[in-house]
Amino acid sequence: MKPGQEEARLGCYHGDNNYPYMLWYRHRSAAMELIGLLHYENSNLEKNFEARFNITGHSKGRAQLVVSNTNPADSAEYFCAASQHSGSTPLAPLQKAGEPEYQTRSCIPT
């Protein structure tokens, strides 16, 4: 993210109807933080992200993480993950038939 931008948008897409949850994470300084999750069109942000972060779109398709009033502290790696569960059980990344059990998917900046 570039300091001074008013808003940053990161996009994520998957087309598997078996994964109704989309979770967003921030990775910086060797720590992975849950930003929030999207269940269908309903977002739920962690308390420390509520002021400037928003998750929009649909969890079974295209979604965006929106960061407003960006600043240098927002510089990090951001990840999205599709899940069949909200987090009460271990998460498995999106998988297609014939692929290894665990595989990462990239977010696409928009």
N, C-alpha and C. Protein backbone atom coordinates (compact mmCIF):
# COMPACT_ATOMS: atom_id res chain seq x y z
N MET A 1 0.84 -1.18 0.00
CA MET A 1 0.00 0.00 0.00
C MET A 1 0.87 1.23 0.00
N LYS A 2 0.43 2.23 -0.66
CA LYS A 2 1.18 3.46 -0.75
C LYS A 2 0.64 4.46 0.27
N PRO A 3 1.52 4.97 1.15
CA PRO A 3 1.07 5.99 2.09
C PRO A 3 0.53 7.20 1.34
N GLY A 4 -0.47 7.82 1.87
CA GLY A 4 -1.05 9.00 1.26
C GLY A 4 -2.26 8.70 0.41
N GLN A 5 -2.44 7.44 0.00
CA GLN A 5 -3.66 7.10 -0.72
C GLN A 5 -4.81 7.17 0.26
N GLU A 6 -5.92 7.66 -0.21
CA GLU A 6 -7.07 7.71 0.67
C GLU A 6 -7.65 6.34 0.94
N GLU A 7 -7.63 5.49 -0.09
CA GLU A 7 -8.27 4.19 0.04
C GLU A 7 -7.50 3.15 -0.75
N ALA A 8 -7.39 1.96 -0.21
CA ALA A 8 -6.78 0.84 -0.92
C ALA A 8 -7.82 -0.28 -1.00
N ARG A 9 -7.88 -0.93 -2.17
CA ARG A 9 -8.83 -2.03 -2.38
C ARG A 9 -8.07 -3.26 -2.85
N LEU A 10 -8.33 -4.38 -2.20
CA LEU A 10 -7.75 -5.66 -2.59
C LEU A 10 -8.90 -6.60 -2.92
N GLY A 11 -8.79 -7.28 -4.03
CA GLY A 11 -9.86 -8.18 -4.46
C GLY A 11 -9.49 -9.63 -4.27
N CYS A 12 -10.51 -10.46 -4.12
CA CYS A 12 -10.32 -11.89 -3.99
C CYS A 12 -11.50 -12.58 -4.68
N TYR A 13 -11.21 -13.68 -5.36
CA TYR A 13 -12.26 -14.41 -6.07
C TYR A 13 -12.08 -15.92 -5.91
N HIS A 14 -13.17 -16.61 -5.74
CA HIS A 14 -13.23 -18.05 -5.91
C HIS A 14 -14.65 -18.37 -6.35
N GLY A 15 -14.84 -19.46 -7.03
CA GLY A 15 -16.17 -19.76 -7.56
C GLY A 15 -16.73 -21.08 -7.05
N ASP A 16 -16.32 -21.48 -5.85
CA ASP A 16 -16.76 -22.77 -5.31
C ASP A 16 -17.89 -22.55 -4.30
N ASN A 17 -19.08 -23.01 -4.62
CA ASN A 17 -20.25 -22.82 -3.74
C ASN A 17 -20.16 -23.59 -2.44
N ASN A 18 -19.19 -24.46 -2.27
CA ASN A 18 -19.04 -25.22 -1.03
C ASN A 18 -18.32 -24.43 0.06
N TYR A 19 -17.87 -23.22 -0.26
CA TYR A 19 -17.12 -22.40 0.69
C TYR A 19 -17.85 -21.08 0.94
N PRO A 20 -18.78 -21.04 1.91
CA PRO A 20 -19.58 -19.84 2.13
C PRO A 20 -18.92 -18.75 2.98
N TYR A 21 -17.72 -18.99 3.46
CA TYR A 21 -17.01 -18.00 4.27
C TYR A 21 -15.75 -17.56 3.55
N MET A 22 -15.47 -16.26 3.60
CA MET A 22 -14.22 -15.72 3.10
C MET A 22 -13.59 -14.94 4.24
N LEU A 23 -12.39 -15.32 4.61
CA LEU A 23 -11.68 -14.68 5.70
C LEU A 23 -10.53 -13.85 5.15
N TRP A 24 -10.27 -12.71 5.77
CA TRP A 24 -9.17 -11.83 5.37
C TRP A 24 -8.18 -11.73 6.51
N TYR A 25 -6.88 -11.80 6.16
CA TYR A 25 -5.79 -11.76 7.14
C TYR A 25 -4.77 -10.71 6.74
N ARG A 26 -4.06 -10.18 7.77
CA ARG A 26 -2.93 -9.30 7.55
C ARG A 26 -1.70 -9.96 8.17
N HIS A 27 -0.61 -10.02 7.41
CA HIS A 27 0.63 -10.61 7.89
C HIS A 27 1.71 -9.54 7.89
N ARG A 28 2.23 -9.26 9.07
CA ARG A 28 3.34 -8.32 9.20
C ARG A 28 4.09 -8.63 10.49
N SER A 29 5.37 -8.35 10.48
CA SER A 29 6.23 -8.58 11.65
C SER A 29 6.03 -9.98 12.23
N ALA A 30 6.01 -10.98 11.38
CA ALA A 30 5.90 -12.39 11.77
C ALA A 30 4.60 -12.72 12.49
N ALA A 31 3.60 -11.87 12.38
CA ALA A 31 2.30 -12.14 13.02
C ALA A 31 1.20 -12.14 11.97
N MET A 32 0.30 -13.11 12.06
CA MET A 32 -0.86 -13.19 11.17
C MET A 32 -2.07 -12.78 11.99
N GLU A 33 -2.76 -11.73 11.52
CA GLU A 33 -3.93 -11.21 12.23
C GLU A 33 -5.18 -11.43 11.39
N LEU A 34 -6.24 -11.91 12.01
CA LEU A 34 -7.52 -12.01 11.33
C LEU A 34 -8.14 -10.62 11.29
N ILE A 35 -8.46 -10.14 10.09
CA ILE A 35 -9.11 -8.85 9.92
C ILE A 35 -10.61 -9.00 10.09
N GLY A 36 -11.16 -10.03 9.46
CA GLY A 36 -12.59 -10.27 9.55
C GLY A 36 -13.01 -11.32 8.55
N LEU A 37 -14.31 -11.55 8.49
CA LEU A 37 -14.81 -12.55 7.56
C LEU A 37 -16.07 -12.06 6.89
N LEU A 38 -16.35 -12.69 5.76
CA LEU A 38 -17.54 -12.41 4.98
C LEU A 38 -18.31 -13.71 4.88
N HIS A 39 -19.59 -13.69 5.23
CA HIS A 39 -20.48 -14.84 5.10
C HIS A 39 -21.59 -14.41 4.17
N TYR A 40 -21.57 -14.94 2.96
CA TYR A 40 -22.43 -14.45 1.88
C TYR A 40 -22.16 -12.96 1.70
N GLU A 41 -23.09 -12.07 2.01
CA GLU A 41 -22.83 -10.63 1.87
C GLU A 41 -22.69 -9.93 3.21
N ASN A 42 -22.62 -10.69 4.29
CA ASN A 42 -22.54 -10.11 5.64
C ASN A 42 -21.11 -10.16 6.15
N SER A 43 -20.55 -8.97 6.44
CA SER A 43 -19.18 -8.92 6.95
C SER A 43 -19.17 -8.79 8.47
N ASN A 44 -18.10 -9.31 9.06
CA ASN A 44 -17.90 -9.24 10.50
C ASN A 44 -16.42 -8.96 10.72
N LEU A 45 -16.09 -7.74 11.17
CA LEU A 45 -14.70 -7.33 11.37
C LEU A 45 -14.28 -7.51 12.82
N GLU A 46 -13.00 -7.83 13.01
CA GLU A 46 -12.43 -7.86 14.35
C GLU A 46 -12.40 -6.41 14.88
N LYS A 47 -12.54 -6.26 16.18
CA LYS A 47 -12.67 -4.92 16.80
C LYS A 47 -11.56 -3.95 16.40
N ASN A 48 -10.30 -4.42 16.38
CA ASN A 48 -9.21 -3.48 16.09
C ASN A 48 -9.13 -3.09 14.61
N PHE A 49 -10.01 -3.62 13.76
CA PHE A 49 -10.03 -3.25 12.35
C PHE A 49 -11.31 -2.50 11.95
N GLU A 50 -12.24 -2.36 12.84
CA GLU A 50 -13.55 -1.79 12.51
C GLU A 50 -13.50 -0.34 12.02
N ALA A 51 -12.56 0.45 12.49
CA ALA A 51 -12.56 1.89 12.17
C ALA A 51 -12.24 2.19 10.71
N ARG A 52 -11.28 1.47 10.11
CA ARG A 52 -10.83 1.85 8.76
C ARG A 52 -10.91 0.73 7.73
N PHE A 53 -11.30 -0.46 8.14
CA PHE A 53 -11.35 -1.59 7.22
C PHE A 53 -12.80 -1.98 6.94
N ASN A 54 -13.04 -2.47 5.74
CA ASN A 54 -14.37 -2.95 5.38
C ASN A 54 -14.21 -4.12 4.41
N ILE A 55 -15.13 -5.06 4.47
CA ILE A 55 -15.14 -6.19 3.55
C ILE A 55 -16.47 -6.15 2.81
N THR A 56 -16.40 -6.14 1.48
CA THR A 56 -17.60 -6.04 0.66
C THR A 56 -17.63 -7.18 -0.36
N GLY A 57 -18.78 -7.38 -0.98
CA GLY A 57 -18.92 -8.38 -2.02
C GLY A 57 -19.67 -9.60 -1.53
N HIS A 58 -19.32 -10.75 -2.09
CA HIS A 58 -20.00 -12.01 -1.75
C HIS A 58 -18.96 -13.08 -1.46
N SER A 59 -19.15 -13.82 -0.39
CA SER A 59 -18.16 -14.81 0.04
C SER A 59 -18.02 -15.99 -0.92
N LYS A 60 -19.00 -16.22 -1.77
CA LYS A 60 -18.92 -17.34 -2.71
C LYS A 60 -18.47 -16.88 -4.09
N GLY A 61 -17.95 -15.68 -4.18
CA GLY A 61 -17.53 -15.16 -5.47
C GLY A 61 -16.48 -14.09 -5.31
N ARG A 62 -16.79 -12.89 -5.78
CA ARG A 62 -15.84 -11.77 -5.72
C ARG A 62 -16.09 -10.93 -4.47
N ALA A 63 -15.00 -10.61 -3.80
CA ALA A 63 -15.07 -9.77 -2.61
C ALA A 63 -13.89 -8.82 -2.59
N GLN A 64 -14.00 -7.77 -1.78
CA GLN A 64 -12.93 -6.79 -1.64
C GLN A 64 -12.68 -6.47 -0.18
N LEU A 65 -11.42 -6.27 0.11
CA LEU A 65 -11.01 -5.69 1.39
C LEU A 65 -10.71 -4.23 1.09
N VAL A 66 -11.35 -3.33 1.79
CA VAL A 66 -11.18 -1.89 1.57
C VAL A 66 -10.56 -1.29 2.83
N VAL A 67 -9.44 -0.59 2.64
CA VAL A 67 -8.76 0.09 3.75
C VAL A 67 -8.83 1.57 3.48
N SER A 68 -9.46 2.32 4.36
CA SER A 68 -9.57 3.77 4.18
C SER A 68 -8.51 4.49 4.99
N ASN A 69 -8.21 5.72 4.60
CA ASN A 69 -7.21 6.55 5.29
C ASN A 69 -5.92 5.78 5.53
N THR A 70 -5.36 5.23 4.46
CA THR A 70 -4.16 4.40 4.59
C THR A 70 -3.00 5.19 5.18
N ASN A 71 -2.13 4.48 5.87
CA ASN A 71 -0.93 5.08 6.44
C ASN A 71 0.19 4.04 6.41
N PRO A 72 1.44 4.43 6.69
CA PRO A 72 2.56 3.49 6.61
C PRO A 72 2.38 2.22 7.46
N ALA A 73 1.66 2.30 8.56
CA ALA A 73 1.44 1.12 9.40
C ALA A 73 0.60 0.05 8.71
N ASP A 74 -0.07 0.42 7.62
CA ASP A 74 -0.89 -0.55 6.88
C ASP A 74 -0.06 -1.40 5.92
N SER A 75 1.21 -1.08 5.75
CA SER A 75 2.06 -1.86 4.86
C SER A 75 2.23 -3.26 5.41
N ALA A 76 1.80 -4.27 4.63
CA ALA A 76 1.83 -5.66 5.06
C ALA A 76 1.42 -6.54 3.90
N GLU A 77 1.45 -7.84 4.10
CA GLU A 77 0.88 -8.78 3.15
C GLU A 77 -0.55 -9.07 3.60
N TYR A 78 -1.48 -9.06 2.66
CA TYR A 78 -2.88 -9.33 2.96
C TYR A 78 -3.30 -10.59 2.23
N PHE A 79 -4.05 -11.45 2.92
CA PHE A 79 -4.47 -12.73 2.37
C PHE A 79 -5.97 -12.91 2.54
N CYS A 80 -6.56 -13.61 1.59
CA CYS A 80 -7.93 -14.05 1.77
C CYS A 80 -7.94 -15.58 1.73
N ALA A 81 -8.91 -16.18 2.38
CA ALA A 81 -9.05 -17.63 2.41
C ALA A 81 -10.53 -17.98 2.37
N ALA A 82 -10.86 -18.99 1.58
CA ALA A 82 -12.23 -19.49 1.52
C ALA A 82 -12.35 -20.64 2.50
N SER A 83 -13.49 -20.73 3.18
CA SER A 83 -13.68 -21.77 4.18
C SER A 83 -15.11 -22.27 4.21
N GLN A 84 -15.27 -23.50 4.64
CA GLN A 84 -16.61 -24.05 4.84
C GLN A 84 -17.14 -23.71 6.23
N HIS A 85 -16.26 -23.20 7.10
CA HIS A 85 -16.62 -22.91 8.48
C HIS A 85 -16.17 -21.51 8.87
N SER A 86 -16.76 -20.97 9.91
CA SER A 86 -16.44 -19.60 10.33
C SER A 86 -15.16 -19.50 11.14
N GLY A 87 -14.53 -20.59 11.46
CA GLY A 87 -13.29 -20.52 12.22
C GLY A 87 -13.31 -21.37 13.47
N SER A 88 -14.41 -22.03 13.77
CA SER A 88 -14.47 -22.86 14.96
C SER A 88 -13.76 -24.19 14.76
N THR A 89 -13.45 -24.54 13.51
CA THR A 89 -12.70 -25.74 13.19
C THR A 89 -11.53 -25.35 12.31
N PRO A 90 -10.50 -26.20 12.20
CA PRO A 90 -9.35 -25.85 11.34
C PRO A 90 -9.79 -25.53 9.92
N LEU A 91 -9.15 -24.53 9.31
CA LEU A 91 -9.50 -24.09 7.98
C LEU A 91 -8.67 -24.80 6.92
N ALA A 92 -9.29 -25.12 5.81
CA ALA A 92 -8.57 -25.67 4.66
C ALA A 92 -8.71 -24.67 3.52
N PRO A 93 -7.60 -24.30 2.88
CA PRO A 93 -7.70 -23.40 1.73
C PRO A 93 -8.51 -24.03 0.61
N LEU A 94 -8.95 -23.21 -0.32
CA LEU A 94 -9.72 -23.67 -1.46
C LEU A 94 -8.96 -24.76 -2.20
N GLN A 95 -9.63 -25.84 -2.55
CA GLN A 95 -8.99 -26.98 -3.19
C GLN A 95 -9.81 -27.46 -4.36
N LYS A 96 -9.16 -27.84 -5.47
CA LYS A 96 -9.83 -28.42 -6.61
C LYS A 96 -9.48 -29.91 -6.66
N ALA A 97 -10.34 -30.70 -7.28
CA ALA A 97 -10.09 -32.13 -7.40
C ALA A 97 -8.73 -32.37 -8.04
N GLY A 98 -7.97 -33.28 -7.47
CA GLY A 98 -6.67 -33.64 -8.01
C GLY A 98 -5.53 -32.78 -7.51
N GLU A 99 -5.80 -31.72 -6.78
CA GLU A 99 -4.75 -30.87 -6.24
C GLU A 99 -4.35 -31.37 -4.85
N PRO A 100 -3.17 -30.99 -4.38
CA PRO A 100 -2.78 -31.35 -3.01
C PRO A 100 -3.81 -30.83 -2.01
N GLU A 101 -3.86 -31.46 -0.84
CA GLU A 101 -4.88 -31.11 0.14
C GLU A 101 -4.81 -29.65 0.56
N TYR A 102 -3.61 -29.09 0.72
CA TYR A 102 -3.48 -27.69 1.13
C TYR A 102 -2.76 -26.92 0.04
N GLN A 103 -3.37 -25.83 -0.37
CA GLN A 103 -2.78 -25.00 -1.41
C GLN A 103 -3.25 -23.57 -1.19
N THR A 104 -2.37 -22.62 -1.40
CA THR A 104 -2.74 -21.22 -1.21
C THR A 104 -3.30 -20.65 -2.51
N ARG A 105 -4.11 -19.63 -2.39
CA ARG A 105 -4.65 -18.89 -3.54
C ARG A 105 -4.27 -17.43 -3.35
N SER A 106 -3.98 -16.75 -4.42
CA SER A 106 -3.56 -15.36 -4.35
C SER A 106 -4.75 -14.42 -4.45
N CYS A 107 -4.64 -13.30 -3.78
CA CYS A 107 -5.61 -12.22 -3.93
C CYS A 107 -5.18 -11.39 -5.14
N ILE A 108 -6.13 -10.83 -5.82
CA ILE A 108 -5.86 -10.02 -7.00
C ILE A 108 -6.14 -8.57 -6.67
N PRO A 109 -5.11 -7.68 -6.67
CA PRO A 109 -5.36 -6.25 -6.41
C PRO A 109 -6.31 -5.68 -7.47
N THR A 110 -7.25 -4.85 -7.04
CA THR A 110 -8.19 -4.23 -7.99
C THR A 110 -8.06 -2.73 -7.94
